[in-house]
Structure formats: structure tokens, C-alpha cells
Amino acid sequence: MRFPHQIQTTAFTSMIADYKTASGNNTADLDTEVKRLLKQGFQLHGNPYAGQDSGGIVLFQAMIKTDNDIQDEQEELRVKNPETLRPRIRTSVVP
């Protein structure tokens, strides 16, 4: 899924390819969720913000992956294990 938003960096413009919102009931919970998403290759996007649901105050942080992040991940996988990215030939049996 592609999002129509672009982000500008110093060297290039890239498209947001994935977006998630980390959430937590307190700063420690939000920190844990943000760290988990950072390890998955997401980047912080904007400032944290607070909202309210039936359980009280909830903290949020927008997280994104750009198309360049995803291309880098695919290249890293290819280098680690080239077999995973080889096209597979599918055969079907016709009765």
C-alpha cells in the first residue's frame, strides 16, 4: 500500500510506504512499543501526542517506513539469503 504523502530529506524525496501508530497507556508502554517498531525498521514521524479513550489518556507516536527503507530491507535479505528472493516456478496439474 502506498500513501500519497512525501517526506523531504536533505538528499532526496521518498514516499511513505507503511504507516503505524504506536500507543501506550503511559510513557513506559509507549517507549516499549516505539522501540519494537524501530527494530522493525520504522522511523519516528512527527511528535508524540495524547488522546483519550474509555480507559483514560492514551499516548501515541506516528511511525513510518519509506519506500527507500523497504528497498534497503529487501536488499539486506537478498544479501543474507539469496534463495529467499528467487522467483519460484509454480506448476499446476490439469486433470
Foldseek 3Di string as FASTA:
>chain_A
DWDPDWDDDPPDIWTFPDKDKQKDPDPVSSVVRVVVVVVVQWDWDDDKDWDADPVGIMIITMITHTPVSVVVVVVVVCVVPVVVPDDDDDDDDDD
